[in-house]
Structures are given as structure tokens and as C-alpha cells.
Amino acid sequence: MNTNKTNGQVTLRDVRVSYPNLFEPRAFSPGDREKFSATFLIEKGSENQKVVEDAIRAVARGKWGDNVPNPLKHPLRDGSEKESAGYTADQVFFSANTTKRPVIVNRTAEPVVDGDPEAPYAGCYVNATVSFWAMDSAYGKRVCCELRGVQFVRDGDAFGGGSPAVGFESLDGDKAPAGGGSDVSDLL
């Protein structure tokens, strides 16, 4: 776990990703600004949870000193609050977003595009770098989270019943590459 106490940046290891909008920004509602985003699921009591909680506390104290709002609004939630595939009571989760495209890489830290075999998908495990920051504006006092980067770590059961890759058998009996078929000329 890497933690930078001065800017709230942390790197989480081997966490599950949900609702990944990593390759194309999307607006939550019509008229909203388009953003890249993802939600990260973390096992309760894990080192990852401790790192997130410590970063939230550090940026809150850095902003408000001894006058941290009570209760402090922040992005970390209990998994039992969400009724969606993959969310359980033994997890916590938080969402992060950004208007700038985050760094998205595979296991060897090479950039990936949507559809690559090691492109992150809902349900896989990733390393994630995020930055927590404190906000004090007309919208209130709270700690928010910016998405910085995501690295594919390993496959997991895809949320929503999909699968990470599809491999078809070619008509000649050879296995075609995952996610695609064989060259059209091979089929004629």
C-alpha cells in the first residue's frame, strides 16, 4: 500500500471494480459534466480499508484541523447499503471520478483500450490509485475522491452475468483468440 499523506493519494491493491466508466466519460444525469469513474469494493478489516480511512482522516484534518465536521461526509460506504451484484455486508466501497482520462494499464503496466484481454471490467480485480481531497463550498463540507489510475490484476466473476472474454471455436476446429473469431478468409 502506498500512501501520500500530503495530497491524500493512495494505491489500493487487489480490489474489485464495479461500474467502471474508464474509457469513455459519462454524465450521471442529462446536463451533468461527463466524467470517468469507477467504484471499488474492499474487504472489511483489510489493509486497503485502513489505508482509505487513514487518507480520509488525514485530508479532513489537513483542511479543518480540530474542527472536522461531525459527522464527516465522505465516500466510504458499507457494502450492505448497496443492493447490486457483488456487494456484500463483509465489504466497504467507494466511488471515484475525474474529468481527465485516468491511466488504465494491464498487468505489465502497458496501456490498454476497451476490449483488450486485460482491460478492467466490472467484477475483475485491480490496483487503483485515487486521491482524497476535502471540499468546503456551497455544496457542503465533505471528503471527495478523484480517480487517478487503474491496473488490471486478475479476472473475477463479471458483474451482470457477462464474461471478461469470449472465445469461439473456428469452423476448422481450431480455437480462435479470446474475444474474437478467426480471419474471415479462413471461413470461406
N, C-alpha and C. Protein backbone atom coordinates (compact mmCIF):
# COMPACT_ATOMS: atom_id res chain seq x y z
N MET A 1 0.84 -1.19 0.00
CA MET A 1 0.00 0.00 0.00
C MET A 1 0.88 1.24 0.00
N ASN A 2 0.62 2.11 -0.91
CA ASN A 2 1.34 3.38 -0.94
C ASN A 2 0.40 4.47 -0.46
N THR A 3 0.90 5.32 0.39
CA THR A 3 0.10 6.44 0.88
C THR A 3 0.92 7.70 0.83
N ASN A 4 0.34 8.75 0.29
CA ASN A 4 0.97 10.06 0.29
C ASN A 4 0.08 10.95 1.15
N LYS A 5 0.48 11.19 2.38
CA LYS A 5 -0.35 11.93 3.35
C LYS A 5 -0.58 13.38 2.96
N THR A 6 0.30 13.95 2.13
CA THR A 6 0.15 15.38 1.83
C THR A 6 -0.98 15.67 0.86
N ASN A 7 -1.24 14.75 -0.07
CA ASN A 7 -2.31 15.02 -1.02
C ASN A 7 -3.43 14.00 -0.98
N GLY A 8 -3.40 13.07 -0.07
CA GLY A 8 -4.45 12.08 0.06
C GLY A 8 -4.41 10.99 -0.98
N GLN A 9 -3.32 10.87 -1.74
CA GLN A 9 -3.23 9.85 -2.78
C GLN A 9 -2.85 8.52 -2.17
N VAL A 10 -3.59 7.48 -2.55
CA VAL A 10 -3.32 6.12 -2.09
C VAL A 10 -3.40 5.17 -3.28
N THR A 11 -2.69 4.06 -3.17
CA THR A 11 -2.80 2.99 -4.15
C THR A 11 -3.32 1.76 -3.41
N LEU A 12 -4.45 1.26 -3.85
CA LEU A 12 -5.07 0.08 -3.27
C LEU A 12 -4.69 -1.13 -4.10
N ARG A 13 -4.46 -2.25 -3.45
CA ARG A 13 -4.01 -3.46 -4.12
C ARG A 13 -5.08 -4.54 -4.13
N ASP A 14 -5.33 -5.09 -5.33
CA ASP A 14 -6.19 -6.27 -5.49
C ASP A 14 -7.60 -6.04 -4.93
N VAL A 15 -8.24 -4.98 -5.40
CA VAL A 15 -9.62 -4.68 -5.01
C VAL A 15 -10.52 -4.93 -6.22
N ARG A 16 -11.77 -5.14 -5.96
CA ARG A 16 -12.72 -5.40 -7.05
C ARG A 16 -13.27 -4.10 -7.59
N VAL A 17 -13.49 -4.04 -8.89
CA VAL A 17 -14.03 -2.83 -9.51
C VAL A 17 -15.47 -3.09 -9.98
N SER A 18 -16.29 -2.08 -9.80
CA SER A 18 -17.68 -2.12 -10.22
C SER A 18 -18.01 -0.82 -10.94
N TYR A 19 -18.95 -0.86 -11.83
CA TYR A 19 -19.37 0.32 -12.59
C TYR A 19 -18.18 1.09 -13.19
N PRO A 20 -17.28 0.38 -13.90
CA PRO A 20 -16.14 1.09 -14.46
C PRO A 20 -16.49 1.86 -15.74
N ASN A 21 -16.39 3.15 -15.68
CA ASN A 21 -16.50 4.02 -16.86
C ASN A 21 -15.10 4.59 -17.07
N LEU A 22 -14.22 3.75 -17.58
CA LEU A 22 -12.80 4.09 -17.63
C LEU A 22 -12.32 4.56 -19.00
N PHE A 23 -13.04 4.20 -20.04
CA PHE A 23 -12.56 4.50 -21.39
C PHE A 23 -13.33 5.63 -22.06
N GLU A 24 -14.54 5.87 -21.65
CA GLU A 24 -15.36 6.96 -22.18
C GLU A 24 -16.03 7.66 -21.00
N PRO A 25 -15.93 8.98 -20.93
CA PRO A 25 -16.61 9.67 -19.82
C PRO A 25 -18.12 9.63 -20.03
N ARG A 26 -18.85 9.64 -18.92
CA ARG A 26 -20.32 9.63 -18.98
C ARG A 26 -20.86 10.64 -17.99
N ALA A 27 -22.01 11.16 -18.32
CA ALA A 27 -22.71 12.07 -17.41
C ALA A 27 -23.70 11.26 -16.58
N PHE A 28 -23.78 11.56 -15.28
CA PHE A 28 -24.70 10.85 -14.40
C PHE A 28 -26.14 11.18 -14.78
N SER A 29 -26.41 12.43 -15.07
CA SER A 29 -27.74 12.90 -15.47
C SER A 29 -27.58 13.86 -16.64
N PRO A 30 -28.62 14.02 -17.44
CA PRO A 30 -28.53 15.00 -18.54
C PRO A 30 -28.15 16.38 -18.00
N GLY A 31 -27.21 17.01 -18.67
CA GLY A 31 -26.74 18.32 -18.24
C GLY A 31 -25.55 18.28 -17.31
N ASP A 32 -25.26 17.10 -16.71
CA ASP A 32 -24.09 16.96 -15.84
C ASP A 32 -22.83 16.89 -16.70
N ARG A 33 -21.72 17.23 -16.09
CA ARG A 33 -20.43 17.14 -16.75
C ARG A 33 -20.05 15.66 -16.90
N GLU A 34 -19.53 15.30 -18.06
CA GLU A 34 -19.10 13.93 -18.28
C GLU A 34 -17.83 13.64 -17.49
N LYS A 35 -17.78 12.43 -16.88
CA LYS A 35 -16.63 12.05 -16.07
C LYS A 35 -16.30 10.58 -16.28
N PHE A 36 -15.03 10.25 -16.07
CA PHE A 36 -14.59 8.87 -15.96
C PHE A 36 -14.82 8.48 -14.51
N SER A 37 -15.17 7.22 -14.25
CA SER A 37 -15.45 6.84 -12.86
C SER A 37 -15.34 5.34 -12.66
N ALA A 38 -15.31 4.95 -11.41
CA ALA A 38 -15.33 3.54 -11.01
C ALA A 38 -15.67 3.47 -9.53
N THR A 39 -16.21 2.33 -9.14
CA THR A 39 -16.47 2.04 -7.74
C THR A 39 -15.57 0.88 -7.35
N PHE A 40 -14.99 0.95 -6.15
CA PHE A 40 -14.05 -0.06 -5.69
C PHE A 40 -14.61 -0.75 -4.45
N LEU A 41 -14.62 -2.09 -4.46
CA LEU A 41 -15.11 -2.90 -3.35
C LEU A 41 -13.92 -3.44 -2.58
N ILE A 42 -13.96 -3.26 -1.26
CA ILE A 42 -12.84 -3.60 -0.39
C ILE A 42 -13.34 -4.49 0.75
N GLU A 43 -12.58 -5.50 1.08
CA GLU A 43 -12.94 -6.37 2.20
C GLU A 43 -12.87 -5.60 3.51
N LYS A 44 -13.90 -5.73 4.35
CA LYS A 44 -13.89 -5.08 5.67
C LYS A 44 -12.72 -5.59 6.49
N GLY A 45 -12.10 -4.69 7.21
CA GLY A 45 -10.99 -5.05 8.09
C GLY A 45 -9.66 -5.22 7.38
N SER A 46 -9.63 -5.02 6.08
CA SER A 46 -8.40 -5.23 5.32
C SER A 46 -7.47 -4.02 5.44
N GLU A 47 -6.23 -4.23 5.02
CA GLU A 47 -5.26 -3.13 4.97
C GLU A 47 -5.75 -2.04 4.02
N ASN A 48 -6.41 -2.43 2.92
CA ASN A 48 -6.95 -1.45 1.98
C ASN A 48 -7.97 -0.53 2.67
N GLN A 49 -8.84 -1.09 3.50
CA GLN A 49 -9.81 -0.26 4.21
C GLN A 49 -9.10 0.72 5.15
N LYS A 50 -8.10 0.22 5.85
CA LYS A 50 -7.35 1.09 6.76
C LYS A 50 -6.69 2.25 6.01
N VAL A 51 -6.11 1.95 4.86
CA VAL A 51 -5.45 2.99 4.06
C VAL A 51 -6.45 4.06 3.63
N VAL A 52 -7.63 3.64 3.19
CA VAL A 52 -8.66 4.59 2.77
C VAL A 52 -9.11 5.44 3.96
N GLU A 53 -9.41 4.81 5.08
CA GLU A 53 -9.85 5.56 6.26
C GLU A 53 -8.77 6.54 6.74
N ASP A 54 -7.51 6.11 6.74
CA ASP A 54 -6.41 6.99 7.15
C ASP A 54 -6.30 8.20 6.21
N ALA A 55 -6.46 7.97 4.90
CA ALA A 55 -6.37 9.08 3.93
C ALA A 55 -7.52 10.06 4.13
N ILE A 56 -8.71 9.55 4.38
CA ILE A 56 -9.87 10.42 4.62
C ILE A 56 -9.62 11.28 5.86
N ARG A 57 -9.17 10.64 6.95
CA ARG A 57 -8.87 11.38 8.19
C ARG A 57 -7.79 12.44 7.95
N ALA A 58 -6.73 12.07 7.23
CA ALA A 58 -5.61 12.98 7.02
C ALA A 58 -6.03 14.22 6.22
N VAL A 59 -6.81 14.05 5.15
CA VAL A 59 -7.20 15.23 4.37
C VAL A 59 -8.22 16.07 5.14
N ALA A 60 -9.07 15.42 5.94
CA ALA A 60 -10.04 16.17 6.76
C ALA A 60 -9.31 17.01 7.81
N ARG A 61 -8.36 16.41 8.50
CA ARG A 61 -7.58 17.16 9.50
C ARG A 61 -6.73 18.25 8.84
N GLY A 62 -6.21 17.95 7.64
CA GLY A 62 -5.43 18.95 6.92
C GLY A 62 -6.28 20.16 6.53
N LYS A 63 -7.54 19.94 6.27
CA LYS A 63 -8.43 21.03 5.86
C LYS A 63 -9.03 21.77 7.06
N TRP A 64 -9.51 21.00 8.05
CA TRP A 64 -10.26 21.62 9.15
C TRP A 64 -9.57 21.55 10.50
N GLY A 65 -8.41 20.93 10.58
CA GLY A 65 -7.70 20.83 11.86
C GLY A 65 -8.54 20.10 12.90
N ASP A 66 -8.71 20.72 14.06
CA ASP A 66 -9.51 20.11 15.13
C ASP A 66 -11.01 20.33 14.93
N ASN A 67 -11.40 21.04 13.88
CA ASN A 67 -12.81 21.35 13.64
C ASN A 67 -13.40 20.52 12.50
N VAL A 68 -13.02 19.25 12.40
CA VAL A 68 -13.55 18.36 11.37
C VAL A 68 -15.06 18.24 11.60
N PRO A 69 -15.87 18.42 10.53
CA PRO A 69 -17.32 18.29 10.69
C PRO A 69 -17.70 16.93 11.27
N ASN A 70 -18.70 16.93 12.13
CA ASN A 70 -19.18 15.69 12.74
C ASN A 70 -20.69 15.63 12.57
N PRO A 71 -21.21 14.68 11.81
CA PRO A 71 -20.47 13.63 11.11
C PRO A 71 -19.81 14.17 9.85
N LEU A 72 -18.70 13.56 9.49
CA LEU A 72 -17.97 13.93 8.28
C LEU A 72 -18.56 13.17 7.09
N LYS A 73 -18.95 13.89 6.06
CA LYS A 73 -19.43 13.24 4.84
C LYS A 73 -18.21 12.81 4.03
N HIS A 74 -18.19 11.56 3.60
CA HIS A 74 -17.07 11.00 2.83
C HIS A 74 -17.60 9.88 1.94
N PRO A 75 -16.81 9.41 0.98
CA PRO A 75 -17.33 8.43 0.01
C PRO A 75 -17.38 6.98 0.48
N LEU A 76 -16.75 6.62 1.58
CA LEU A 76 -16.68 5.22 2.01
C LEU A 76 -18.04 4.77 2.57
N ARG A 77 -18.57 3.67 2.03
CA ARG A 77 -19.89 3.15 2.41
C ARG A 77 -19.80 1.67 2.78
N ASP A 78 -20.78 1.21 3.54
CA ASP A 78 -20.89 -0.20 3.91
C ASP A 78 -21.50 -0.97 2.74
N GLY A 79 -20.96 -2.13 2.43
CA GLY A 79 -21.45 -2.95 1.32
C GLY A 79 -22.90 -3.36 1.44
N SER A 80 -23.41 -3.46 2.66
CA SER A 80 -24.81 -3.84 2.85
C SER A 80 -25.78 -2.73 2.43
N GLU A 81 -25.27 -1.50 2.20
CA GLU A 81 -26.11 -0.40 1.76
C GLU A 81 -26.48 -0.49 0.28
N LYS A 82 -25.77 -1.29 -0.48
CA LYS A 82 -25.96 -1.36 -1.93
C LYS A 82 -26.56 -2.69 -2.31
N GLU A 83 -27.67 -2.65 -2.99
CA GLU A 83 -28.30 -3.88 -3.47
C GLU A 83 -27.97 -4.06 -4.94
N SER A 84 -26.78 -4.61 -5.18
CA SER A 84 -26.30 -4.81 -6.54
C SER A 84 -25.37 -6.01 -6.55
N ALA A 85 -25.19 -6.60 -7.71
CA ALA A 85 -24.33 -7.78 -7.85
C ALA A 85 -22.94 -7.51 -7.31
N GLY A 86 -22.44 -8.42 -6.48
CA GLY A 86 -21.09 -8.32 -5.97
C GLY A 86 -20.93 -7.58 -4.67
N TYR A 87 -21.93 -6.83 -4.24
CA TYR A 87 -21.84 -6.06 -3.00
C TYR A 87 -22.35 -6.91 -1.85
N THR A 88 -21.54 -7.01 -0.77
CA THR A 88 -21.92 -7.83 0.37
C THR A 88 -21.68 -7.07 1.67
N ALA A 89 -22.24 -7.59 2.74
CA ALA A 89 -22.11 -6.96 4.06
C ALA A 89 -20.68 -7.04 4.60
N ASP A 90 -19.84 -7.91 4.05
CA ASP A 90 -18.45 -8.00 4.53
C ASP A 90 -17.50 -7.13 3.71
N GLN A 91 -18.07 -6.13 3.01
CA GLN A 91 -17.27 -5.21 2.22
C GLN A 91 -17.63 -3.76 2.53
N VAL A 92 -16.71 -2.88 2.16
CA VAL A 92 -16.98 -1.45 2.09
C VAL A 92 -16.70 -1.07 0.64
N PHE A 93 -17.22 0.09 0.22
CA PHE A 93 -16.97 0.52 -1.14
C PHE A 93 -16.95 2.03 -1.21
N PHE A 94 -16.36 2.55 -2.27
CA PHE A 94 -16.39 3.98 -2.54
C PHE A 94 -16.25 4.19 -4.04
N SER A 95 -16.73 5.34 -4.48
CA SER A 95 -16.63 5.71 -5.88
C SER A 95 -15.62 6.84 -6.05
N ALA A 96 -14.99 6.85 -7.19
CA ALA A 96 -14.03 7.91 -7.53
C ALA A 96 -14.30 8.32 -8.97
N ASN A 97 -14.06 9.59 -9.28
CA ASN A 97 -14.28 10.05 -10.64
C ASN A 97 -13.27 11.14 -10.99
N THR A 98 -13.24 11.48 -12.27
CA THR A 98 -12.35 12.53 -12.76
C THR A 98 -12.83 12.99 -14.12
N THR A 99 -12.53 14.22 -14.46
CA THR A 99 -12.84 14.72 -15.80
C THR A 99 -11.71 14.41 -16.76
N LYS A 100 -10.52 14.08 -16.24
CA LYS A 100 -9.36 13.72 -17.07
C LYS A 100 -9.30 12.20 -17.21
N ARG A 101 -8.92 11.72 -18.38
CA ARG A 101 -8.84 10.28 -18.57
C ARG A 101 -7.81 9.69 -17.61
N PRO A 102 -8.21 8.70 -16.80
CA PRO A 102 -7.24 8.07 -15.90
C PRO A 102 -6.30 7.14 -16.66
N VAL A 103 -5.19 6.82 -16.04
CA VAL A 103 -4.25 5.86 -16.60
C VAL A 103 -4.87 4.47 -16.43
N ILE A 104 -4.95 3.72 -17.52
CA ILE A 104 -5.51 2.36 -17.47
C ILE A 104 -4.48 1.43 -18.09
N VAL A 105 -4.00 0.46 -17.29
CA VAL A 105 -2.93 -0.42 -17.74
C VAL A 105 -3.22 -1.88 -17.42
N ASN A 106 -2.47 -2.77 -18.07
CA ASN A 106 -2.59 -4.20 -17.82
C ASN A 106 -1.61 -4.64 -16.73
N ARG A 107 -1.45 -5.94 -16.57
CA ARG A 107 -0.57 -6.48 -15.51
C ARG A 107 0.89 -6.05 -15.69
N THR A 108 1.32 -5.80 -16.91
CA THR A 108 2.70 -5.40 -17.16
C THR A 108 2.84 -3.88 -17.27
N ALA A 109 1.83 -3.15 -16.83
CA ALA A 109 1.81 -1.68 -16.80
C ALA A 109 1.83 -1.06 -18.19
N GLU A 110 1.34 -1.80 -19.19
CA GLU A 110 1.21 -1.25 -20.53
C GLU A 110 -0.22 -0.74 -20.71
N PRO A 111 -0.38 0.40 -21.39
CA PRO A 111 -1.73 0.96 -21.60
C PRO A 111 -2.63 -0.03 -22.34
N VAL A 112 -3.90 -0.02 -21.99
CA VAL A 112 -4.90 -0.86 -22.65
C VAL A 112 -6.05 0.01 -23.15
N VAL A 113 -6.79 -0.55 -24.08
CA VAL A 113 -8.00 0.09 -24.58
C VAL A 113 -9.17 -0.84 -24.28
N ASP A 114 -10.35 -0.30 -24.33
CA ASP A 114 -11.56 -1.07 -24.06
C ASP A 114 -11.59 -2.29 -24.99
N GLY A 115 -11.84 -3.45 -24.42
CA GLY A 115 -11.89 -4.68 -25.20
C GLY A 115 -10.62 -5.50 -25.20
N ASP A 116 -9.49 -4.91 -24.77
CA ASP A 116 -8.26 -5.69 -24.66
C ASP A 116 -8.47 -6.80 -23.63
N PRO A 117 -7.74 -7.93 -23.78
CA PRO A 117 -7.91 -9.04 -22.83
C PRO A 117 -7.70 -8.65 -21.37
N GLU A 118 -6.81 -7.70 -21.08
CA GLU A 118 -6.58 -7.28 -19.70
C GLU A 118 -7.11 -5.88 -19.43
N ALA A 119 -8.15 -5.50 -20.13
CA ALA A 119 -8.82 -4.23 -19.83
C ALA A 119 -9.75 -4.47 -18.65
N PRO A 120 -9.74 -3.59 -17.65
CA PRO A 120 -10.62 -3.77 -16.49
C PRO A 120 -12.10 -3.82 -16.89
N TYR A 121 -12.84 -4.69 -16.24
CA TYR A 121 -14.28 -4.84 -16.46
C TYR A 121 -14.95 -5.01 -15.10
N ALA A 122 -16.24 -4.82 -15.05
CA ALA A 122 -16.98 -4.92 -13.79
C ALA A 122 -16.88 -6.33 -13.23
N GLY A 123 -16.25 -6.44 -12.05
CA GLY A 123 -16.09 -7.73 -11.38
C GLY A 123 -14.66 -8.21 -11.31
N CYS A 124 -13.76 -7.65 -12.12
CA CYS A 124 -12.37 -8.09 -12.06
C CYS A 124 -11.67 -7.42 -10.87
N TYR A 125 -10.45 -7.83 -10.62
CA TYR A 125 -9.64 -7.28 -9.53
C TYR A 125 -8.59 -6.35 -10.12
N VAL A 126 -8.37 -5.24 -9.44
CA VAL A 126 -7.47 -4.21 -9.94
C VAL A 126 -6.63 -3.62 -8.81
N ASN A 127 -5.57 -2.93 -9.20
CA ASN A 127 -4.89 -1.99 -8.31
C ASN A 127 -5.45 -0.63 -8.72
N ALA A 128 -5.73 0.22 -7.77
CA ALA A 128 -6.32 1.52 -8.09
C ALA A 128 -5.59 2.63 -7.34
N THR A 129 -5.27 3.69 -8.06
CA THR A 129 -4.70 4.87 -7.43
C THR A 129 -5.75 5.96 -7.45
N VAL A 130 -6.03 6.51 -6.26
CA VAL A 130 -7.04 7.55 -6.09
C VAL A 130 -6.47 8.64 -5.18
N SER A 131 -7.06 9.81 -5.25
CA SER A 131 -6.68 10.91 -4.36
C SER A 131 -7.91 11.41 -3.62
N PHE A 132 -7.83 11.43 -2.31
CA PHE A 132 -8.90 12.00 -1.50
C PHE A 132 -8.60 13.47 -1.27
N TRP A 133 -9.64 14.30 -1.25
CA TRP A 133 -9.47 15.73 -1.04
C TRP A 133 -10.70 16.27 -0.31
N ALA A 134 -10.48 17.33 0.44
CA ALA A 134 -11.55 17.93 1.24
C ALA A 134 -12.18 19.08 0.48
N MET A 135 -13.50 19.16 0.55
CA MET A 135 -14.26 20.21 -0.13
C MET A 135 -15.02 21.02 0.91
N ASP A 136 -14.98 22.32 0.76
CA ASP A 136 -15.72 23.24 1.63
C ASP A 136 -16.30 24.31 0.71
N SER A 137 -17.54 24.11 0.26
CA SER A 137 -18.13 25.01 -0.72
C SER A 137 -19.63 25.16 -0.45
N ALA A 138 -20.30 25.78 -1.37
CA ALA A 138 -21.76 25.95 -1.25
C ALA A 138 -22.47 24.60 -1.19
N TYR A 139 -21.81 23.54 -1.67
CA TYR A 139 -22.39 22.19 -1.64
C TYR A 139 -22.13 21.48 -0.32
N GLY A 140 -21.37 22.08 0.55
CA GLY A 140 -21.13 21.50 1.86
C GLY A 140 -19.68 21.15 2.12
N LYS A 141 -19.45 20.61 3.31
CA LYS A 141 -18.12 20.17 3.72
C LYS A 141 -18.10 18.64 3.63
N ARG A 142 -17.13 18.13 2.88
CA ARG A 142 -17.03 16.68 2.72
C ARG A 142 -15.68 16.32 2.16
N VAL A 143 -15.39 15.03 2.20
CA VAL A 143 -14.19 14.49 1.54
C VAL A 143 -14.66 13.79 0.28
N CYS A 144 -13.99 14.08 -0.83
CA CYS A 144 -14.31 13.51 -2.14
C CYS A 144 -13.13 12.68 -2.63
N CYS A 145 -13.33 11.98 -3.74
CA CYS A 145 -12.28 11.10 -4.24
C CYS A 145 -12.13 11.24 -5.75
N GLU A 146 -10.87 11.46 -6.18
CA GLU A 146 -10.55 11.57 -7.60
C GLU A 146 -9.88 10.28 -8.08
N LEU A 147 -10.32 9.77 -9.21
CA LEU A 147 -9.75 8.59 -9.83
C LEU A 147 -8.48 8.98 -10.58
N ARG A 148 -7.38 8.29 -10.31
CA ARG A 148 -6.10 8.59 -10.97
C ARG A 148 -5.69 7.51 -11.95
N GLY A 149 -5.83 6.24 -11.57
CA GLY A 149 -5.41 5.16 -12.46
C GLY A 149 -5.90 3.81 -11.98
N VAL A 150 -5.95 2.86 -12.93
CA VAL A 150 -6.41 1.51 -12.65
C VAL A 150 -5.51 0.53 -13.39
N GLN A 151 -5.08 -0.52 -12.69
CA GLN A 151 -4.28 -1.58 -13.29
C GLN A 151 -5.01 -2.90 -13.13
N PHE A 152 -5.25 -3.60 -14.23
CA PHE A 152 -5.84 -4.93 -14.18
C PHE A 152 -4.91 -5.86 -13.42
N VAL A 153 -5.47 -6.65 -12.47
CA VAL A 153 -4.67 -7.60 -11.70
C VAL A 153 -5.04 -9.03 -12.07
N ARG A 154 -6.36 -9.33 -12.01
CA ARG A 154 -6.79 -10.70 -12.30
C ARG A 154 -8.28 -10.72 -12.59
N ASP A 155 -8.70 -11.80 -13.23
CA ASP A 155 -10.11 -11.97 -13.55
C ASP A 155 -10.92 -12.24 -12.29
N GLY A 156 -12.18 -11.91 -12.35
CA GLY A 156 -13.16 -12.21 -11.32
C GLY A 156 -14.48 -12.48 -12.02
N ASP A 157 -15.46 -12.98 -11.27
CA ASP A 157 -16.77 -13.19 -11.87
C ASP A 157 -17.32 -11.84 -12.31
N ALA A 158 -17.62 -11.73 -13.60
CA ALA A 158 -18.12 -10.47 -14.14
C ALA A 158 -19.49 -10.17 -13.55
N PHE A 159 -19.69 -8.92 -13.15
CA PHE A 159 -20.99 -8.49 -12.65
C PHE A 159 -21.95 -8.37 -13.83
N GLY A 160 -23.21 -8.67 -13.60
CA GLY A 160 -24.21 -8.52 -14.65
C GLY A 160 -24.32 -9.73 -15.57
N GLY A 161 -23.67 -10.83 -15.20
CA GLY A 161 -23.82 -12.06 -15.97
C GLY A 161 -22.95 -12.15 -17.21
N GLY A 162 -22.19 -11.11 -17.50
CA GLY A 162 -21.30 -11.15 -18.67
C GLY A 162 -20.05 -11.93 -18.35
N SER A 163 -19.16 -11.96 -19.30
CA SER A 163 -17.88 -12.62 -19.08
C SER A 163 -16.77 -11.71 -19.58
N PRO A 164 -15.57 -11.87 -19.07
CA PRO A 164 -14.48 -10.99 -19.45
C PRO A 164 -14.02 -11.16 -20.89
N ALA A 165 -14.11 -12.34 -21.42
CA ALA A 165 -13.67 -12.58 -22.79
C ALA A 165 -14.46 -13.74 -23.37
N VAL A 166 -14.66 -13.72 -24.66
CA VAL A 166 -15.40 -14.77 -25.33
C VAL A 166 -14.48 -15.41 -26.35
N GLY A 167 -14.37 -16.72 -26.31
CA GLY A 167 -13.56 -17.43 -27.30
C GLY A 167 -14.47 -18.35 -28.09
N PHE A 168 -14.44 -18.24 -29.39
CA PHE A 168 -15.24 -19.09 -30.25
C PHE A 168 -14.36 -20.15 -30.86
N GLU A 169 -14.94 -21.30 -31.16
CA GLU A 169 -14.23 -22.31 -31.92
C GLU A 169 -14.35 -21.93 -33.39
N SER A 170 -13.24 -22.01 -34.12
CA SER A 170 -13.31 -21.71 -35.55
C SER A 170 -14.04 -22.86 -36.24
N LEU A 171 -14.51 -22.61 -37.42
CA LEU A 171 -15.21 -23.65 -38.17
C LEU A 171 -14.27 -24.76 -38.60
N ASP A 172 -12.96 -24.50 -38.54
CA ASP A 172 -11.96 -25.51 -38.88
C ASP A 172 -11.59 -26.36 -37.67
N GLY A 173 -12.17 -26.06 -36.47
CA GLY A 173 -11.89 -26.82 -35.27
C GLY A 173 -10.79 -26.27 -34.39
N ASP A 174 -10.08 -25.23 -34.83
CA ASP A 174 -9.03 -24.61 -34.01
C ASP A 174 -9.66 -23.55 -33.12
N LYS A 175 -9.11 -23.39 -31.96
CA LYS A 175 -9.60 -22.36 -31.05
C LYS A 175 -9.16 -21.00 -31.54
N ALA A 176 -10.11 -20.08 -31.70
CA ALA A 176 -9.80 -18.71 -32.12
C ALA A 176 -9.39 -17.91 -30.90
N PRO A 177 -8.72 -16.77 -31.08
CA PRO A 177 -8.30 -15.94 -29.96
C PRO A 177 -9.50 -15.50 -29.12
N ALA A 178 -9.28 -15.36 -27.82
CA ALA A 178 -10.33 -14.89 -26.92
C ALA A 178 -10.82 -13.53 -27.39
N GLY A 179 -12.14 -13.35 -27.35
CA GLY A 179 -12.73 -12.07 -27.69
C GLY A 179 -12.95 -11.89 -29.17
N GLY A 180 -12.66 -12.89 -29.97
CA GLY A 180 -12.86 -12.69 -31.38
C GLY A 180 -13.01 -13.99 -32.11
N GLY A 181 -13.10 -13.92 -33.39
CA GLY A 181 -13.20 -15.09 -34.23
C GLY A 181 -11.96 -15.17 -35.10
N SER A 182 -12.01 -16.06 -36.05
CA SER A 182 -10.87 -16.18 -36.93
C SER A 182 -11.02 -15.21 -38.09
N ASP A 183 -9.96 -15.08 -38.86
CA ASP A 183 -9.98 -14.21 -40.03
C ASP A 183 -11.08 -14.69 -40.98
N VAL A 184 -11.85 -13.76 -41.54
CA VAL A 184 -12.97 -14.10 -42.41
C VAL A 184 -12.52 -14.99 -43.55
N SER A 185 -11.33 -14.77 -44.10
CA SER A 185 -10.86 -15.57 -45.23
C SER A 185 -10.73 -17.04 -44.84
N ASP A 186 -10.50 -17.33 -43.55
CA ASP A 186 -10.40 -18.72 -43.09
C ASP A 186 -11.77 -19.42 -43.15
N LEU A 187 -12.84 -18.65 -43.12
CA LEU A 187 -14.18 -19.23 -43.07
C LEU A 187 -14.72 -19.53 -44.46
N LEU A 188 -14.12 -19.00 -45.50
CA LEU A 188 -14.64 -19.17 -46.87
C LEU A 188 -14.11 -20.41 -47.53
